Amino acid sequence: MSKPKTPKAPPKSSARIATTLSIIAICLSGSSWWLNYLTSLPAISPKVELVEPLAAGQPIHFKVLLENTGKSTAKHLYPTLAFKFARADVPFEVTYETAQFAPVNWTTTTSDLVPGGHSTLYSDPANQLNLAHQHDVDAVIKGEWNLYLYGKIPYKDILYISHEVHFCGVYRQLPGSEPLKLSYCPSYNETD
């Protein structure tokens, strides 16, 4: 009578190869999921404009045009917007606590922004923010003083992970330029 044959154990190198391939497959699957998540994020693109040209003693009303160029909805937008009037030779510094324009005076027209969606935030019509004298307006037009309109918009993505976009527009009356459109500030126009 012959002995039953016991199956031979696979070589150790085969087990290592199988384990390595499994780890690689898991990593590829995870990175594929992460890449898919990153490419599906909302992308908020803000642009600041004046509603009316600057005039001495007249309220400064402006709007922020928003566009979601991403592939998913930006949820729970909660903007904080501010104004600063500063000498042109002083570097721009972001401040919200001491900003000359209180964020409370803003009304938002949206809380969620769908992919490809557009929305506009307007300054409060009751806002009495203004350049009091003609020499203030002239100083801005000549470039001696800068008028900054800036803000931040926190929002959540499809996984409810928080993000924030920053924007800043500065009034520069360049020859042939549209007086209501602001130039981008050299800094503070970014998203996370």
C-alpha atoms as a PDB file:
ATOM      1  CA  MET A   1       0.000   0.000   0.000  1.00  0.00           C
ATOM      2  CA  SER A   2       1.299   3.383  -0.913  1.00  0.00           C
ATOM      3  CA  LYS A   3       1.301   6.360   1.299  1.00  0.00           C
ATOM      4  CA  PRO A   4      -1.036   9.210   0.426  1.00  0.00           C
ATOM      5  CA  LYS A   5       0.860  12.095  -0.981  1.00  0.00           C
ATOM      6  CA  THR A   6       0.771  15.266   1.007  1.00  0.00           C
ATOM      7  CA  PRO A   7       0.475  18.386  -1.050  1.00  0.00           C
ATOM      8  CA  LYS A   8       3.619  20.389  -1.220  1.00  0.00           C
ATOM      9  CA  ALA A   9       3.633  23.872   0.219  1.00  0.00           C
ATOM     10  CA  PRO A  10       4.023  26.572  -2.385  1.00  0.00           C
ATOM     11  CA  PRO A  11       7.453  28.050  -2.533  1.00  0.00           C
ATOM     12  CA  LYS A  12       7.980  30.996  -0.187  1.00  0.00           C
ATOM     13  CA  SER A  13       8.828  33.243  -3.096  1.00  0.00           C
ATOM     14  CA  SER A  14       5.345  32.698  -4.610  1.00  0.00           C
ATOM     15  CA  ALA A  15       3.703  33.775  -1.350  1.00  0.00           C
ATOM     16  CA  ARG A  16       5.843  36.906  -1.265  1.00  0.00           C
ATOM     17  CA  ILE A  17       4.975  37.744  -4.855  1.00  0.00           C
ATOM     18  CA  ALA A  18       1.244  37.271  -4.150  1.00  0.00           C
ATOM     19  CA  THR A  19       1.454  39.469  -1.039  1.00  0.00           C
ATOM     20  CA  THR A  20       3.392  42.149  -2.929  1.00  0.00           C
ATOM     21  CA  LEU A  21       0.886  42.127  -5.804  1.00  0.00           C
ATOM     22  CA  SER A  22      -2.003  42.406  -3.322  1.00  0.00           C
ATOM     23  CA  ILE A  23      -0.390  45.408  -1.653  1.00  0.00           C
ATOM     24  CA  ILE A  24       0.217  47.059  -5.031  1.00  0.00           C
ATOM     25  CA  ALA A  25      -3.427  46.454  -6.040  1.00  0.00           C
ATOM     26  CA  ILE A  26      -4.672  48.009  -2.789  1.00  0.00           C
ATOM     27  CA  CYS A  27      -2.397  51.041  -3.256  1.00  0.00           C
ATOM     28  CA  LEU A  28      -3.526  51.511  -6.865  1.00  0.00           C
ATOM     29  CA  SER A  29      -7.159  51.222  -5.848  1.00  0.00           C
ATOM     30  CA  GLY A  30      -6.686  53.772  -3.055  1.00  0.00           C
ATOM     31  CA  SER A  31      -4.792  56.204  -5.273  1.00  0.00           C
ATOM     32  CA  SER A  32      -7.423  55.815  -7.996  1.00  0.00           C
ATOM     33  CA  TRP A  33     -10.160  56.660  -5.468  1.00  0.00           C
ATOM     34  CA  TRP A  34      -8.155  59.669  -4.201  1.00  0.00           C
ATOM     35  CA  LEU A  35      -7.500  60.934  -7.732  1.00  0.00           C
ATOM     36  CA  ASN A  36     -11.198  60.575  -8.562  1.00  0.00           C
ATOM     37  CA  TYR A  37     -12.091  62.535  -5.405  1.00  0.00           C
ATOM     38  CA  LEU A  38      -9.582  65.309  -6.201  1.00  0.00           C
ATOM     39  CA  THR A  39     -10.812  65.720  -9.781  1.00  0.00           C
ATOM     40  CA  SER A  40     -14.441  65.892  -8.640  1.00  0.00           C
ATOM     41  CA  LEU A  41     -13.964  68.754  -6.157  1.00  0.00           C
ATOM     42  CA  PRO A  42     -15.821  72.053  -6.499  1.00  0.00           C
ATOM     43  CA  ALA A  43     -13.694  74.944  -7.796  1.00  0.00           C
ATOM     44  CA  ILE A  44     -15.047  78.347  -6.801  1.00  0.00           C
ATOM     45  CA  SER A  45     -13.891  81.212  -8.999  1.00  0.00           C
ATOM     46  CA  PRO A  46     -14.740  84.678  -7.572  1.00  0.00           C
ATOM     47  CA  LYS A  47     -14.425  88.053  -9.345  1.00  0.00           C
ATOM     48  CA  VAL A  48     -15.089  91.425  -7.683  1.00  0.00           C
ATOM     49  CA  GLU A  49     -16.676  94.367  -9.532  1.00  0.00           C
ATOM     50  CA  LEU A  50     -18.119  97.742  -8.603  1.00  0.00           C
ATOM     51  CA  VAL A  51     -21.828  98.234  -9.240  1.00  0.00           C
ATOM     52  CA  GLU A  52     -21.444 101.992  -9.908  1.00  0.00           C
ATOM     53  CA  PRO A  53     -18.367 104.141 -10.620  1.00  0.00           C
ATOM     54  CA  LEU A  54     -16.653 105.790  -7.653  1.00  0.00           C
ATOM     55  CA  ALA A  55     -18.136 109.176  -6.729  1.00  0.00           C
ATOM     56  CA  ALA A  56     -17.434 111.420  -3.756  1.00  0.00           C
ATOM     57  CA  GLY A  57     -19.899 110.975  -0.904  1.00  0.00           C
ATOM     58  CA  GLN A  58     -21.790 108.214  -2.721  1.00  0.00           C
ATOM     59  CA  PRO A  59     -22.052 104.713  -1.211  1.00  0.00           C
ATOM     60  CA  ILE A  60     -19.656 102.185  -2.708  1.00  0.00           C
ATOM     61  CA  HIS A  61     -21.659  99.183  -3.833  1.00  0.00           C
ATOM     62  CA  PHE A  62     -19.938  96.167  -5.259  1.00  0.00           C
ATOM     63  CA  LYS A  63     -20.634  92.582  -6.163  1.00  0.00           C
ATOM     64  CA  VAL A  64     -18.730  89.314  -6.176  1.00  0.00           C
ATOM     65  CA  LEU A  65     -19.425  87.068  -9.169  1.00  0.00           C
ATOM     66  CA  LEU A  66     -19.050  83.380  -8.275  1.00  0.00           C
ATOM     67  CA  GLU A  67     -18.681  80.422 -10.610  1.00  0.00           C
ATOM     68  CA  ASN A  68     -18.232  76.768  -9.707  1.00  0.00           C
ATOM     69  CA  THR A  69     -15.962  75.363 -12.416  1.00  0.00           C
ATOM     70  CA  GLY A  70     -15.565  72.072 -10.535  1.00  0.00           C
ATOM     71  CA  LYS A  71     -17.431  68.790 -10.951  1.00  0.00           C
ATOM     72  CA  SER A  72     -19.430  68.707  -7.705  1.00  0.00           C
ATOM     73  CA  THR A  73     -21.531  71.010  -5.542  1.00  0.00           C
ATOM     74  CA  ALA A  74     -19.875  73.470  -3.161  1.00  0.00           C
ATOM     75  CA  LYS A  75     -21.995  73.234  -0.024  1.00  0.00           C
ATOM     76  CA  HIS A  76     -22.652  75.707   2.780  1.00  0.00           C
ATOM     77  CA  LEU A  77     -20.892  78.742   1.304  1.00  0.00           C
ATOM     78  CA  TYR A  78     -20.418  81.320   4.042  1.00  0.00           C
ATOM     79  CA  PRO A  79     -18.640  84.436   2.733  1.00  0.00           C
ATOM     80  CA  THR A  80     -16.789  87.033   4.759  1.00  0.00           C
ATOM     81  CA  LEU A  81     -16.074  90.167   2.755  1.00  0.00           C
ATOM     82  CA  ALA A  82     -14.133  93.305   3.601  1.00  0.00           C
ATOM     83  CA  PHE A  83     -12.991  96.687   2.314  1.00  0.00           C
ATOM     84  CA  LYS A  84      -9.741  98.571   2.793  1.00  0.00           C
ATOM     85  CA  PHE A  85      -8.680 102.064   1.709  1.00  0.00           C
ATOM     86  CA  ALA A  86      -4.888 102.406   2.036  1.00  0.00           C
ATOM     87  CA  ARG A  87      -1.953 104.394   0.664  1.00  0.00           C
ATOM     88  CA  ALA A  88      -0.480 102.824  -2.456  1.00  0.00           C
ATOM     89  CA  ASP A  89       3.012 102.626  -0.914  1.00  0.00           C
ATOM     90  CA  VAL A  90       1.744 100.484   2.004  1.00  0.00           C
ATOM     91  CA  PRO A  91       1.778  96.732   1.208  1.00  0.00           C
ATOM     92  CA  PHE A  92      -1.644  95.092   1.250  1.00  0.00           C
ATOM     93  CA  GLU A  93      -2.314  93.095   4.396  1.00  0.00           C
ATOM     94  CA  VAL A  94      -5.426  91.010   4.960  1.00  0.00           C
ATOM     95  CA  THR A  95      -7.363  91.914   8.096  1.00  0.00           C
ATOM     96  CA  TYR A  96     -10.959  91.107   8.948  1.00  0.00           C
ATOM     97  CA  GLU A  97     -11.205  92.220  12.561  1.00  0.00           C
ATOM     98  CA  THR A  98     -10.146  95.791  11.792  1.00  0.00           C
ATOM     99  CA  ALA A  99     -11.382  95.994   8.217  1.00  0.00           C
ATOM    100  CA  GLN A 100     -13.182  99.195   7.337  1.00  0.00           C
ATOM    101  CA  PHE A 101     -16.185  97.314   6.071  1.00  0.00           C
ATOM    102  CA  ALA A 102     -18.127  95.095   8.438  1.00  0.00           C
ATOM    103  CA  PRO A 103     -18.997  91.648   7.025  1.00  0.00           C
ATOM    104  CA  VAL A 104     -22.457  91.959   8.602  1.00  0.00           C
ATOM    105  CA  ASN A 105     -23.486  94.342   5.836  1.00  0.00           C
ATOM    106  CA  TRP A 106     -23.535  91.567   3.237  1.00  0.00           C
ATOM    107  CA  THR A 107     -26.377  89.485   1.981  1.00  0.00           C
ATOM    108  CA  THR A 108     -25.591  86.247   0.247  1.00  0.00           C
ATOM    109  CA  THR A 109     -27.755  84.963  -2.562  1.00  0.00           C
ATOM    110  CA  THR A 110     -26.660  81.354  -2.278  1.00  0.00           C
ATOM    111  CA  SER A 111     -25.655  78.704   0.227  1.00  0.00           C
ATOM    112  CA  ASP A 112     -24.809  75.909  -2.231  1.00  0.00           C
ATOM    113  CA  LEU A 113     -23.350  76.250  -5.722  1.00  0.00           C
ATOM    114  CA  VAL A 114     -23.809  73.415  -8.210  1.00  0.00           C
ATOM    115  CA  PRO A 115     -21.183  72.469 -10.826  1.00  0.00           C
ATOM    116  CA  GLY A 116     -21.227  75.030 -13.637  1.00  0.00           C
ATOM    117  CA  GLY A 117     -23.420  77.267 -11.470  1.00  0.00           C
ATOM    118  CA  HIS A 118     -23.132  81.038 -11.167  1.00  0.00           C
ATOM    119  CA  SER A 119     -24.182  83.306  -8.348  1.00  0.00           C
ATOM    120  CA  THR A 120     -23.601  86.888  -7.260  1.00  0.00           C
ATOM    121  CA  LEU A 121     -23.068  88.357  -3.817  1.00  0.00           C
ATOM    122  CA  TYR A 122     -24.120  92.008  -3.489  1.00  0.00           C
ATOM    123  CA  SER A 123     -23.154  94.547  -0.870  1.00  0.00           C
ATOM    124  CA  ASP A 124     -26.052  95.596   1.322  1.00  0.00           C
ATOM    125  CA  PRO A 125     -28.015  98.488  -0.271  1.00  0.00           C
ATOM    126  CA  ALA A 126     -28.095 100.175   3.150  1.00  0.00           C
ATOM    127  CA  ASN A 127     -24.287 100.265   3.153  1.00  0.00           C
ATOM    128  CA  GLN A 128     -23.016 103.777   3.735  1.00  0.00           C
ATOM    129  CA  LEU A 129     -19.372 102.993   2.957  1.00  0.00           C
ATOM    130  CA  ASN A 130     -18.033 105.802   0.764  1.00  0.00           C
ATOM    131  CA  LEU A 131     -15.067 107.951  -0.156  1.00  0.00           C
ATOM    132  CA  ALA A 132     -16.257 111.146   1.518  1.00  0.00           C
ATOM    133  CA  HIS A 133     -14.431 113.752  -0.592  1.00  0.00           C
ATOM    134  CA  GLN A 134     -13.508 114.237  -4.233  1.00  0.00           C
ATOM    135  CA  HIS A 135      -9.800 114.322  -3.295  1.00  0.00           C
ATOM    136  CA  ASP A 136     -10.213 110.741  -1.942  1.00  0.00           C
ATOM    137  CA  VAL A 137     -11.720 109.594  -5.246  1.00  0.00           C
ATOM    138  CA  ASP A 138      -8.983 111.442  -7.196  1.00  0.00           C
ATOM    139  CA  ALA A 139      -6.286 109.804  -5.042  1.00  0.00           C
ATOM    140  CA  VAL A 140      -7.672 106.352  -5.931  1.00  0.00           C
ATOM    141  CA  ILE A 141      -7.973 107.183  -9.632  1.00  0.00           C
ATOM    142  CA  LYS A 142      -4.399 108.584  -9.707  1.00  0.00           C
ATOM    143  CA  GLY A 143      -3.090 105.469  -7.936  1.00  0.00           C
ATOM    144  CA  GLU A 144      -1.927 107.309  -4.809  1.00  0.00           C
ATOM    145  CA  TRP A 145      -4.380 105.337  -2.632  1.00  0.00           C
ATOM    146  CA  ASN A 146      -5.750 101.830  -3.217  1.00  0.00           C
ATOM    147  CA  LEU A 147      -9.296 100.660  -2.733  1.00  0.00           C
ATOM    148  CA  TYR A 148      -9.271  96.917  -1.900  1.00  0.00           C
ATOM    149  CA  LEU A 149     -12.349  94.697  -1.868  1.00  0.00           C
ATOM    150  CA  TYR A 150     -11.480  91.218  -0.606  1.00  0.00           C
ATOM    151  CA  GLY A 151     -12.861  88.221   1.186  1.00  0.00           C
ATOM    152  CA  LYS A 152     -12.885  84.540   1.947  1.00  0.00           C
ATOM    153  CA  ILE A 153     -15.533  81.942   1.243  1.00  0.00           C
ATOM    154  CA  PRO A 154     -15.396  78.743   3.268  1.00  0.00           C
ATOM    155  CA  TYR A 155     -17.401  75.814   1.857  1.00  0.00           C
ATOM    156  CA  LYS A 156     -17.654  72.032   2.083  1.00  0.00           C
ATOM    157  CA  ASP A 157     -17.189  69.424  -0.645  1.00  0.00           C
ATOM    158  CA  ILE A 158     -19.225  66.262  -1.307  1.00  0.00           C
ATOM    159  CA  LEU A 159     -17.557  64.508   1.650  1.00  0.00           C
ATOM    160  CA  TYR A 160     -18.206  67.567   3.860  1.00  0.00           C
ATOM    161  CA  ILE A 161     -14.492  68.332   4.031  1.00  0.00           C
ATOM    162  CA  SER A 162     -13.881  72.064   4.538  1.00  0.00           C
ATOM    163  CA  HIS A 163     -12.186  74.251   1.909  1.00  0.00           C
ATOM    164  CA  GLU A 164     -11.707  77.997   1.566  1.00  0.00           C
ATOM    165  CA  VAL A 165     -11.217  80.328  -1.386  1.00  0.00           C
ATOM    166  CA  HIS A 166      -9.688  83.812  -1.013  1.00  0.00           C
ATOM    167  CA  PHE A 167     -10.081  86.720  -3.402  1.00  0.00           C
ATOM    168  CA  CYS A 168      -8.989  90.322  -3.663  1.00  0.00           C
ATOM    169  CA  GLY A 169      -9.737  93.065  -6.155  1.00  0.00           C
ATOM    170  CA  VAL A 170      -8.058  96.460  -6.241  1.00  0.00           C
ATOM    171  CA  TYR A 171      -9.347  99.546  -8.037  1.00  0.00           C
ATOM    172  CA  ARG A 172      -6.916 100.666 -10.755  1.00  0.00           C
ATOM    173  CA  GLN A 173      -8.137 103.048 -13.405  1.00  0.00           C
ATOM    174  CA  LEU A 174      -5.905 102.155 -16.313  1.00  0.00           C
ATOM    175  CA  PRO A 175      -6.289 103.933 -19.677  1.00  0.00           C
ATOM    176  CA  GLY A 176      -9.016 102.233 -21.700  1.00  0.00           C
ATOM    177  CA  SER A 177     -10.065  99.940 -18.840  1.00  0.00           C
ATOM    178  CA  GLU A 178     -13.611  99.436 -17.634  1.00  0.00           C
ATOM    179  CA  PRO A 179     -14.094 101.601 -14.487  1.00  0.00           C
ATOM    180  CA  LEU A 180     -16.303  99.001 -12.778  1.00  0.00           C
ATOM    181  CA  LYS A 181     -13.906  96.065 -13.172  1.00  0.00           C
ATOM    182  CA  LEU A 182     -11.239  95.666 -10.536  1.00  0.00           C
ATOM    183  CA  SER A 183      -7.743  94.285 -11.085  1.00  0.00           C
ATOM    184  CA  TYR A 184      -6.626  91.214  -9.190  1.00  0.00           C
ATOM    185  CA  CYS A 185      -4.474  91.982  -6.152  1.00  0.00           C
ATOM    186  CA  PRO A 186      -0.889  90.649  -6.393  1.00  0.00           C
ATOM    187  CA  SER A 187      -1.701  88.272  -3.504  1.00  0.00           C
ATOM    188  CA  TYR A 188      -4.656  86.689  -1.693  1.00  0.00           C
ATOM    189  CA  ASN A 189      -6.306  85.160  -4.774  1.00  0.00           C
ATOM    190  CA  GLU A 190      -6.051  81.478  -3.983  1.00  0.00           C
ATOM    191  CA  THR A 191      -7.970  78.390  -2.963  1.00  0.00           C
ATOM    192  CA  ASP A 192      -6.998  75.406  -0.847  1.00  0.00           C
END
